[in-house]
Amino acid sequence: MRLVILWNEETDYAREVRDWLRDFDADTGGKDIESLDPQTIEGESFAKAYDIVQYPAIVVTDNDGRLLQIWKGTPLPQTDQVAFWAKDV
């Protein structure tokens, strides 16, 4: 399973994402969530693969890359909604 947050530090939502990531870390005991910038080559290709055009986006895929859950834009989901998926990461 893969858990990714797609966001950019140079945006108006960056503070909200940083706060959310801090809370997620505290709520899950340090479960890892991969962070990608949609303005990088890797981030852009990831966004295209899952048809993401609204940021920030949190994406959960299985090991084969099949989409299991996605949240787009703000407000961000509650950390416990995402933590449910993080137990298998």
PDB file of N, CA and C in Angstrom:
ATOM      1  N   MET A   1       0.845  -1.166   0.000  1.00  0.00           N
ATOM      2  CA  MET A   1       0.000   0.000   0.000  1.00  0.00           C
ATOM      3  C   MET A   1       0.901   1.243   0.000  1.00  0.00           C
ATOM      4  N   ARG A   2       0.422   2.256  -0.668  1.00  0.00           N
ATOM      5  CA  ARG A   2       1.168   3.514  -0.764  1.00  0.00           C
ATOM      6  C   ARG A   2       0.247   4.653  -0.348  1.00  0.00           C
ATOM      7  N   LEU A   3       0.769   5.523   0.501  1.00  0.00           N
ATOM      8  CA  LEU A   3       0.028   6.674   0.995  1.00  0.00           C
ATOM      9  C   LEU A   3       0.833   7.919   0.639  1.00  0.00           C
ATOM     10  N   VAL A   4       0.228   8.798  -0.184  1.00  0.00           N
ATOM     11  CA  VAL A   4       0.946   9.955  -0.739  1.00  0.00           C
ATOM     12  C   VAL A   4       0.131  11.220  -0.521  1.00  0.00           C
ATOM     13  N   ILE A   5       0.830  12.296  -0.163  1.00  0.00           N
ATOM     14  CA  ILE A   5       0.208  13.618  -0.166  1.00  0.00           C
ATOM     15  C   ILE A   5       0.917  14.439  -1.239  1.00  0.00           C
ATOM     16  N   LEU A   6       0.149  15.001  -2.123  1.00  0.00           N
ATOM     17  CA  LEU A   6       0.654  15.777  -3.251  1.00  0.00           C
ATOM     18  C   LEU A   6       0.371  17.246  -2.965  1.00  0.00           C
ATOM     19  N   TRP A   7       1.453  18.015  -2.764  1.00  0.00           N
ATOM     20  CA  TRP A   7       1.285  19.422  -2.406  1.00  0.00           C
ATOM     21  C   TRP A   7       2.554  20.181  -2.722  1.00  0.00           C
ATOM     22  N   ASN A   8       2.441  21.513  -2.650  1.00  0.00           N
ATOM     23  CA  ASN A   8       3.575  22.379  -2.934  1.00  0.00           C
ATOM     24  C   ASN A   8       3.758  23.344  -1.775  1.00  0.00           C
ATOM     25  N   GLU A   9       4.993  23.509  -1.358  1.00  0.00           N
ATOM     26  CA  GLU A   9       5.331  24.381  -0.225  1.00  0.00           C
ATOM     27  C   GLU A   9       5.044  25.856  -0.521  1.00  0.00           C
ATOM     28  N   GLU A  10       5.060  26.243  -1.778  1.00  0.00           N
ATOM     29  CA  GLU A  10       4.914  27.658  -2.165  1.00  0.00           C
ATOM     30  C   GLU A  10       3.472  28.010  -2.515  1.00  0.00           C
ATOM     31  N   THR A  11       2.527  27.582  -1.689  1.00  0.00           N
ATOM     32  CA  THR A  11       1.112  27.846  -1.962  1.00  0.00           C
ATOM     33  C   THR A  11       0.425  28.407  -0.735  1.00  0.00           C
ATOM     34  N   ASP A  12      -0.789  28.873  -0.929  1.00  0.00           N
ATOM     35  CA  ASP A  12      -1.544  29.422   0.192  1.00  0.00           C
ATOM     36  C   ASP A  12      -2.037  28.342   1.152  1.00  0.00           C
ATOM     37  N   TYR A  13      -2.059  27.081   0.733  1.00  0.00           N
ATOM     38  CA  TYR A  13      -2.506  26.006   1.608  1.00  0.00           C
ATOM     39  C   TYR A  13      -1.351  25.297   2.324  1.00  0.00           C
ATOM     40  N   ALA A  14      -0.119  25.735   2.116  1.00  0.00           N
ATOM     41  CA  ALA A  14       1.058  25.046   2.663  1.00  0.00           C
ATOM     42  C   ALA A  14       1.023  24.947   4.190  1.00  0.00           C
ATOM     43  N   ARG A  15       0.641  26.024   4.847  1.00  0.00           N
ATOM     44  CA  ARG A  15       0.596  25.976   6.319  1.00  0.00           C
ATOM     45  C   ARG A  15      -0.407  24.943   6.802  1.00  0.00           C
ATOM     46  N   GLU A  16      -1.559  24.885   6.154  1.00  0.00           N
ATOM     47  CA  GLU A  16      -2.572  23.893   6.528  1.00  0.00           C
ATOM     48  C   GLU A  16      -2.026  22.475   6.360  1.00  0.00           C
ATOM     49  N   VAL A  17      -1.297  22.235   5.277  1.00  0.00           N
ATOM     50  CA  VAL A  17      -0.723  20.906   5.040  1.00  0.00           C
ATOM     51  C   VAL A  17       0.344  20.589   6.085  1.00  0.00           C
ATOM     52  N   ARG A  18       1.220  21.528   6.371  1.00  0.00           N
ATOM     53  CA  ARG A  18       2.258  21.283   7.387  1.00  0.00           C
ATOM     54  C   ARG A  18       1.619  20.957   8.739  1.00  0.00           C
ATOM     55  N   ASP A  19       0.593  21.697   9.117  1.00  0.00           N
ATOM     56  CA  ASP A  19      -0.111  21.424  10.378  1.00  0.00           C
ATOM     57  C   ASP A  19      -0.770  20.048  10.345  1.00  0.00           C
ATOM     58  N   TRP A  20      -1.381  19.721   9.225  1.00  0.00           N
ATOM     59  CA  TRP A  20      -2.042  18.420   9.081  1.00  0.00           C
ATOM     60  C   TRP A  20      -1.014  17.288   9.184  1.00  0.00           C
ATOM     61  N   LEU A  21       0.125  17.445   8.520  1.00  0.00           N
ATOM     62  CA  LEU A  21       1.175  16.419   8.576  1.00  0.00           C
ATOM     63  C   LEU A  21       1.693  16.238  10.006  1.00  0.00           C
ATOM     64  N   ARG A  22       1.844  17.329  10.735  1.00  0.00           N
ATOM     65  CA  ARG A  22       2.275  17.252  12.133  1.00  0.00           C
ATOM     66  C   ARG A  22       1.245  16.479  12.955  1.00  0.00           C
ATOM     67  N   ASP A  23      -0.039  16.813  12.765  1.00  0.00           N
ATOM     68  CA  ASP A  23      -1.102  16.124  13.499  1.00  0.00           C
ATOM     69  C   ASP A  23      -1.181  14.650  13.105  1.00  0.00           C
ATOM     70  N   PHE A  24      -1.021  14.359  11.829  1.00  0.00           N
ATOM     71  CA  PHE A  24      -1.066  12.977  11.356  1.00  0.00           C
ATOM     72  C   PHE A  24       0.058  12.166  11.999  1.00  0.00           C
ATOM     73  N   ASP A  25       1.243  12.741  12.038  1.00  0.00           N
ATOM     74  CA  ASP A  25       2.387  12.075  12.661  1.00  0.00           C
ATOM     75  C   ASP A  25       2.090  11.782  14.136  1.00  0.00           C
ATOM     76  N   ALA A  26       1.559  12.751  14.842  1.00  0.00           N
ATOM     77  CA  ALA A  26       1.236  12.571  16.267  1.00  0.00           C
ATOM     78  C   ALA A  26       0.119  11.550  16.469  1.00  0.00           C
ATOM     79  N   ASP A  27      -0.899  11.594  15.617  1.00  0.00           N
ATOM     80  CA  ASP A  27      -2.053  10.711  15.773  1.00  0.00           C
ATOM     81  C   ASP A  27      -1.767   9.267  15.404  1.00  0.00           C
ATOM     82  N   THR A  28      -0.784   9.046  14.544  1.00  0.00           N
ATOM     83  CA  THR A  28      -0.503   7.685  14.077  1.00  0.00           C
ATOM     84  C   THR A  28       0.774   7.103  14.679  1.00  0.00           C
ATOM     85  N   GLY A  29       1.404   7.837  15.557  1.00  0.00           N
ATOM     86  CA  GLY A  29       2.641   7.330  16.147  1.00  0.00           C
ATOM     87  C   GLY A  29       3.791   7.297  15.163  1.00  0.00           C
ATOM     88  N   GLY A  30       3.751   8.197  14.185  1.00  0.00           N
ATOM     89  CA  GLY A  30       4.861   8.314  13.248  1.00  0.00           C
ATOM     90  C   GLY A  30       4.704   7.532  11.956  1.00  0.00           C
ATOM     91  N   LYS A  31       3.480   7.140  11.604  1.00  0.00           N
ATOM     92  CA  LYS A  31       3.274   6.462  10.315  1.00  0.00           C
ATOM     93  C   LYS A  31       3.729   7.371   9.191  1.00  0.00           C
ATOM     94  N   ASP A  32       4.324   6.782   8.190  1.00  0.00           N
ATOM     95  CA  ASP A  32       4.911   7.559   7.105  1.00  0.00           C
ATOM     96  C   ASP A  32       3.885   7.847   6.015  1.00  0.00           C
ATOM     97  N   ILE A  33       3.890   9.083   5.565  1.00  0.00           N
ATOM     98  CA  ILE A  33       3.108   9.474   4.398  1.00  0.00           C
ATOM     99  C   ILE A  33       4.079  10.136   3.428  1.00  0.00           C
ATOM    100  N   GLU A  34       4.117   9.611   2.231  1.00  0.00           N
ATOM    101  CA  GLU A  34       5.035  10.111   1.206  1.00  0.00           C
ATOM    102  C   GLU A  34       4.555  11.473   0.714  1.00  0.00           C
ATOM    103  N   SER A  35       5.466  12.401   0.569  1.00  0.00           N
ATOM    104  CA  SER A  35       5.137  13.750   0.133  1.00  0.00           C
ATOM    105  C   SER A  35       5.725  13.993  -1.255  1.00  0.00           C
ATOM    106  N   LEU A  36       4.875  14.422  -2.185  1.00  0.00           N
ATOM    107  CA  LEU A  36       5.315  14.740  -3.545  1.00  0.00           C
ATOM    108  C   LEU A  36       4.888  16.147  -3.911  1.00  0.00           C
ATOM    109  N   ASP A  37       5.736  16.815  -4.648  1.00  0.00           N
ATOM    110  CA  ASP A  37       5.447  18.149  -5.160  1.00  0.00           C
ATOM    111  C   ASP A  37       4.959  17.997  -6.606  1.00  0.00           C
ATOM    112  N   PRO A  38       3.757  18.480  -6.935  1.00  0.00           N
ATOM    113  CA  PRO A  38       3.241  18.321  -8.290  1.00  0.00           C
ATOM    114  C   PRO A  38       4.043  19.087  -9.344  1.00  0.00           C
ATOM    115  N   GLN A  39       4.966  19.936  -8.911  1.00  0.00           N
ATOM    116  CA  GLN A  39       5.787  20.673  -9.871  1.00  0.00           C
ATOM    117  C   GLN A  39       7.101  19.973 -10.182  1.00  0.00           C
ATOM    118  N   THR A  40       7.318  18.786  -9.604  1.00  0.00           N
ATOM    119  CA  THR A  40       8.483  17.982  -9.957  1.00  0.00           C
ATOM    120  C   THR A  40       8.065  16.961 -11.007  1.00  0.00           C
ATOM    121  N   ILE A  41       9.030  16.368 -11.658  1.00  0.00           N
ATOM    122  CA  ILE A  41       8.717  15.362 -12.686  1.00  0.00           C
ATOM    123  C   ILE A  41       7.961  14.192 -12.071  1.00  0.00           C
ATOM    124  N   GLU A  42       8.444  13.689 -10.936  1.00  0.00           N
ATOM    125  CA  GLU A  42       7.779  12.559 -10.279  1.00  0.00           C
ATOM    126  C   GLU A  42       6.365  12.930  -9.831  1.00  0.00           C
ATOM    127  N   GLY A  43       6.223  14.104  -9.225  1.00  0.00           N
ATOM    128  CA  GLY A  43       4.911  14.548  -8.770  1.00  0.00           C
ATOM    129  C   GLY A  43       3.943  14.781  -9.911  1.00  0.00           C
ATOM    130  N   GLU A  44       4.437  15.368 -10.993  1.00  0.00           N
ATOM    131  CA  GLU A  44       3.582  15.616 -12.158  1.00  0.00           C
ATOM    132  C   GLU A  44       3.094  14.309 -12.771  1.00  0.00           C
ATOM    133  N   SER A  45       3.985  13.325 -12.902  1.00  0.00           N
ATOM    134  CA  SER A  45       3.566  12.051 -13.492  1.00  0.00           C
ATOM    135  C   SER A  45       2.599  11.310 -12.571  1.00  0.00           C
ATOM    136  N   PHE A  46       2.802  11.430 -11.262  1.00  0.00           N
ATOM    137  CA  PHE A  46       1.874  10.816 -10.307  1.00  0.00           C
ATOM    138  C   PHE A  46       0.495  11.460 -10.432  1.00  0.00           C
ATOM    139  N   ALA A  47       0.456  12.785 -10.488  1.00  0.00           N
ATOM    140  CA  ALA A  47      -0.817  13.505 -10.624  1.00  0.00           C
ATOM    141  C   ALA A  47      -1.533  13.126 -11.920  1.00  0.00           C
ATOM    142  N   LYS A  48      -0.794  13.010 -13.009  1.00  0.00           N
ATOM    143  CA  LYS A  48      -1.401  12.620 -14.283  1.00  0.00           C
ATOM    144  C   LYS A  48      -1.951  11.204 -14.224  1.00  0.00           C
ATOM    145  N   ALA A  49      -1.221  10.309 -13.578  1.00  0.00           N
ATOM    146  CA  ALA A  49      -1.646   8.905 -13.497  1.00  0.00           C
ATOM    147  C   ALA A  49      -2.983   8.757 -12.779  1.00  0.00           C
ATOM    148  N   TYR A  50      -3.246   9.631 -11.813  1.00  0.00           N
ATOM    149  CA  TYR A  50      -4.488   9.541 -11.037  1.00  0.00           C
ATOM    150  C   TYR A  50      -5.439  10.699 -11.326  1.00  0.00           C
ATOM    151  N   ASP A  51      -5.174  11.426 -12.412  1.00  0.00           N
ATOM    152  CA  ASP A  51      -6.043  12.510 -12.871  1.00  0.00           C
ATOM    153  C   ASP A  51      -6.311  13.539 -11.765  1.00  0.00           C
ATOM    154  N   ILE A  52      -5.234  13.973 -11.119  1.00  0.00           N
ATOM    155  CA  ILE A  52      -5.341  14.945 -10.033  1.00  0.00           C
ATOM    156  C   ILE A  52      -5.003  16.327 -10.572  1.00  0.00           C
ATOM    157  N   VAL A  53      -5.922  17.250 -10.412  1.00  0.00           N
ATOM    158  CA  VAL A  53      -5.698  18.632 -10.824  1.00  0.00           C
ATOM    159  C   VAL A  53      -6.001  19.611  -9.694  1.00  0.00           C
ATOM    160  N   GLN A  54      -6.420  19.099  -8.557  1.00  0.00           N
ATOM    161  CA  GLN A  54      -6.745  19.928  -7.403  1.00  0.00           C
ATOM    162  C   GLN A  54      -5.840  19.514  -6.248  1.00  0.00           C
ATOM    163  N   TYR A  55      -5.209  20.507  -5.631  1.00  0.00           N
ATOM    164  CA  TYR A  55      -4.241  20.242  -4.572  1.00  0.00           C
ATOM    165  C   TYR A  55      -4.638  20.985  -3.310  1.00  0.00           C
ATOM    166  N   PRO A  56      -4.221  20.504  -2.153  1.00  0.00           N
ATOM    167  CA  PRO A  56      -3.463  19.286  -1.923  1.00  0.00           C
ATOM    168  C   PRO A  56      -4.341  18.063  -2.180  1.00  0.00           C
ATOM    169  N   ALA A  57      -3.694  16.949  -2.426  1.00  0.00           N
ATOM    170  CA  ALA A  57      -4.404  15.692  -2.644  1.00  0.00           C
ATOM    171  C   ALA A  57      -3.726  14.602  -1.827  1.00  0.00           C
ATOM    172  N   ILE A  58      -4.531  13.776  -1.208  1.00  0.00           N
ATOM    173  CA  ILE A  58      -4.027  12.622  -0.471  1.00  0.00           C
ATOM    174  C   ILE A  58      -4.540  11.390  -1.203  1.00  0.00           C
ATOM    175  N   VAL A  59      -3.611  10.482  -1.535  1.00  0.00           N
ATOM    176  CA  VAL A  59      -3.931   9.340  -2.373  1.00  0.00           C
ATOM    177  C   VAL A  59      -3.479   8.052  -1.679  1.00  0.00           C
ATOM    178  N   VAL A  60      -4.368   7.055  -1.706  1.00  0.00           N
ATOM    179  CA  VAL A  60      -4.031   5.730  -1.199  1.00  0.00           C
ATOM    180  C   VAL A  60      -4.158   4.755  -2.363  1.00  0.00           C
ATOM    181  N   THR A  61      -3.085   3.998  -2.596  1.00  0.00           N
ATOM    182  CA  THR A  61      -3.118   2.968  -3.644  1.00  0.00           C
ATOM    183  C   THR A  61      -2.705   1.632  -3.045  1.00  0.00           C
ATOM    184  N   ASP A  62      -3.076   0.561  -3.725  1.00  0.00           N
ATOM    185  CA  ASP A  62      -2.582  -0.741  -3.292  1.00  0.00           C
ATOM    186  C   ASP A  62      -1.183  -0.947  -3.875  1.00  0.00           C
ATOM    187  N   ASN A  63      -0.600  -2.088  -3.621  1.00  0.00           N
ATOM    188  CA  ASN A  63       0.769  -2.348  -4.067  1.00  0.00           C
ATOM    189  C   ASN A  63       0.905  -2.405  -5.583  1.00  0.00           C
ATOM    190  N   ASP A  64      -0.198  -2.612  -6.281  1.00  0.00           N
ATOM    191  CA  ASP A  64      -0.178  -2.647  -7.746  1.00  0.00           C
ATOM    192  C   ASP A  64      -0.500  -1.287  -8.360  1.00  0.00           C
ATOM    193  N   GLY A  65      -0.693  -0.272  -7.528  1.00  0.00           N
ATOM    194  CA  GLY A  65      -0.971   1.066  -8.025  1.00  0.00           C
ATOM    195  C   GLY A  65      -2.436   1.374  -8.247  1.00  0.00           C
ATOM    196  N   ARG A  66      -3.318   0.454  -7.890  1.00  0.00           N
ATOM    197  CA  ARG A  66      -4.753   0.703  -8.048  1.00  0.00           C
ATOM    198  C   ARG A  66      -5.225   1.681  -6.970  1.00  0.00           C
ATOM    199  N   LEU A  67      -5.993   2.661  -7.386  1.00  0.00           N
ATOM    200  CA  LEU A  67      -6.503   3.689  -6.487  1.00  0.00           C
ATOM    201  C   LEU A  67      -7.511   3.088  -5.509  1.00  0.00           C
ATOM    202  N   LEU A  68      -7.287   3.326  -4.217  1.00  0.00           N
ATOM    203  CA  LEU A  68      -8.206   2.862  -3.182  1.00  0.00           C
ATOM    204  C   LEU A  68      -9.011   4.004  -2.584  1.00  0.00           C
ATOM    205  N   GLN A  69      -8.361   5.163  -2.401  1.00  0.00           N
ATOM    206  CA  GLN A  69      -9.040   6.312  -1.804  1.00  0.00           C
ATOM    207  C   GLN A  69      -8.300   7.578  -2.221  1.00  0.00           C
ATOM    208  N   ILE A  70      -9.061   8.653  -2.380  1.00  0.00           N
ATOM    209  CA  ILE A  70      -8.445   9.936  -2.715  1.00  0.00           C
ATOM    210  C   ILE A  70      -9.242  11.061  -2.069  1.00  0.00           C
ATOM    211  N   TRP A  71      -8.511  12.054  -1.584  1.00  0.00           N
ATOM    212  CA  TRP A  71      -9.100  13.292  -1.082  1.00  0.00           C
ATOM    213  C   TRP A  71      -8.430  14.419  -1.848  1.00  0.00           C
ATOM    214  N   LYS A  72      -9.210  15.350  -2.360  1.00  0.00           N
ATOM    215  CA  LYS A  72      -8.658  16.453  -3.150  1.00  0.00           C
ATOM    216  C   LYS A  72      -9.075  17.788  -2.551  1.00  0.00           C
ATOM    217  N   GLY A  73      -8.123  18.713  -2.544  1.00  0.00           N
ATOM    218  CA  GLY A  73      -8.412  20.076  -2.127  1.00  0.00           C
ATOM    219  C   GLY A  73      -8.555  20.229  -0.621  1.00  0.00           C
ATOM    220  N   THR A  74      -8.969  21.422  -0.253  1.00  0.00           N
ATOM    221  CA  THR A  74      -9.185  21.710   1.160  1.00  0.00           C
ATOM    222  C   THR A  74     -10.676  21.852   1.404  1.00  0.00           C
ATOM    223  N   PRO A  75     -11.141  21.595   2.580  1.00  0.00           N
ATOM    224  CA  PRO A  75     -10.349  21.242   3.745  1.00  0.00           C
ATOM    225  C   PRO A  75      -9.817  19.816   3.631  1.00  0.00           C
ATOM    226  N   LEU A  76      -8.687  19.588   4.284  1.00  0.00           N
ATOM    227  CA  LEU A  76      -8.100  18.258   4.311  1.00  0.00           C
ATOM    228  C   LEU A  76      -8.965  17.334   5.157  1.00  0.00           C
ATOM    229  N   PRO A  77      -8.903  16.036   4.904  1.00  0.00           N
ATOM    230  CA  PRO A  77      -9.707  15.106   5.715  1.00  0.00           C
ATOM    231  C   PRO A  77      -9.196  15.050   7.154  1.00  0.00           C
ATOM    232  N   GLN A  78     -10.020  14.553   8.025  1.00  0.00           N
ATOM    233  CA  GLN A  78      -9.584  14.325   9.400  1.00  0.00           C
ATOM    234  C   GLN A  78      -8.452  13.301   9.385  1.00  0.00           C
ATOM    235  N   THR A  79      -7.490  13.463  10.272  1.00  0.00           N
ATOM    236  CA  THR A  79      -6.342  12.549  10.273  1.00  0.00           C
ATOM    237  C   THR A  79      -6.762  11.108  10.527  1.00  0.00           C
ATOM    238  N   ASP A  80      -7.820  10.888  11.297  1.00  0.00           N
ATOM    239  CA  ASP A  80      -8.239   9.514  11.560  1.00  0.00           C
ATOM    240  C   ASP A  80      -8.817   8.840  10.319  1.00  0.00           C
ATOM    241  N   GLN A  81      -9.376   9.628   9.387  1.00  0.00           N
ATOM    242  CA  GLN A  81      -9.867   9.053   8.136  1.00  0.00           C
ATOM    243  C   GLN A  81      -8.710   8.476   7.321  1.00  0.00           C
ATOM    244  N   VAL A  82      -7.590   9.171   7.324  1.00  0.00           N
ATOM    245  CA  VAL A  82      -6.415   8.728   6.572  1.00  0.00           C
ATOM    246  C   VAL A  82      -5.657   7.674   7.372  1.00  0.00           C
ATOM    247  N   ALA A  83      -5.632   7.806   8.686  1.00  0.00           N
ATOM    248  CA  ALA A  83      -4.928   6.848   9.537  1.00  0.00           C
ATOM    249  C   ALA A  83      -5.488   5.440   9.364  1.00  0.00           C
ATOM    250  N   PHE A  84      -6.778   5.329   9.061  1.00  0.00           N
ATOM    251  CA  PHE A  84      -7.380   4.022   8.787  1.00  0.00           C
ATOM    252  C   PHE A  84      -6.589   3.291   7.708  1.00  0.00           C
ATOM    253  N   TRP A  85      -6.202   4.024   6.671  1.00  0.00           N
ATOM    254  CA  TRP A  85      -5.446   3.435   5.561  1.00  0.00           C
ATOM    255  C   TRP A  85      -3.974   3.257   5.914  1.00  0.00           C
ATOM    256  N   ALA A  86      -3.458   4.069   6.805  1.00  0.00           N
ATOM    257  CA  ALA A  86      -2.040   4.049   7.155  1.00  0.00           C
ATOM    258  C   ALA A  86      -1.649   2.806   7.954  1.00  0.00           C
ATOM    259  N   LYS A  87      -2.600   2.130   8.515  1.00  0.00           N
ATOM    260  CA  LYS A  87      -2.263   0.951   9.326  1.00  0.00           C
ATOM    261  C   LYS A  87      -1.597  -0.141   8.482  1.00  0.00           C
ATOM    262  N   ASP A  88      -1.832  -0.127   7.164  1.00  0.00           N
ATOM    263  CA  ASP A  88      -1.250  -1.134   6.280  1.00  0.00           C
ATOM    264  C   ASP A  88      -0.007  -0.632   5.551  1.00  0.00           C
ATOM    265  N   VAL A  89       0.413   0.600   5.836  1.00  0.00           N
ATOM    266  CA  VAL A  89       1.577   1.176   5.138  1.00  0.00           C
ATOM    267  C   VAL A  89       2.848   0.708   5.816  1.00  0.00           C
TER     268      VAL A  89
END
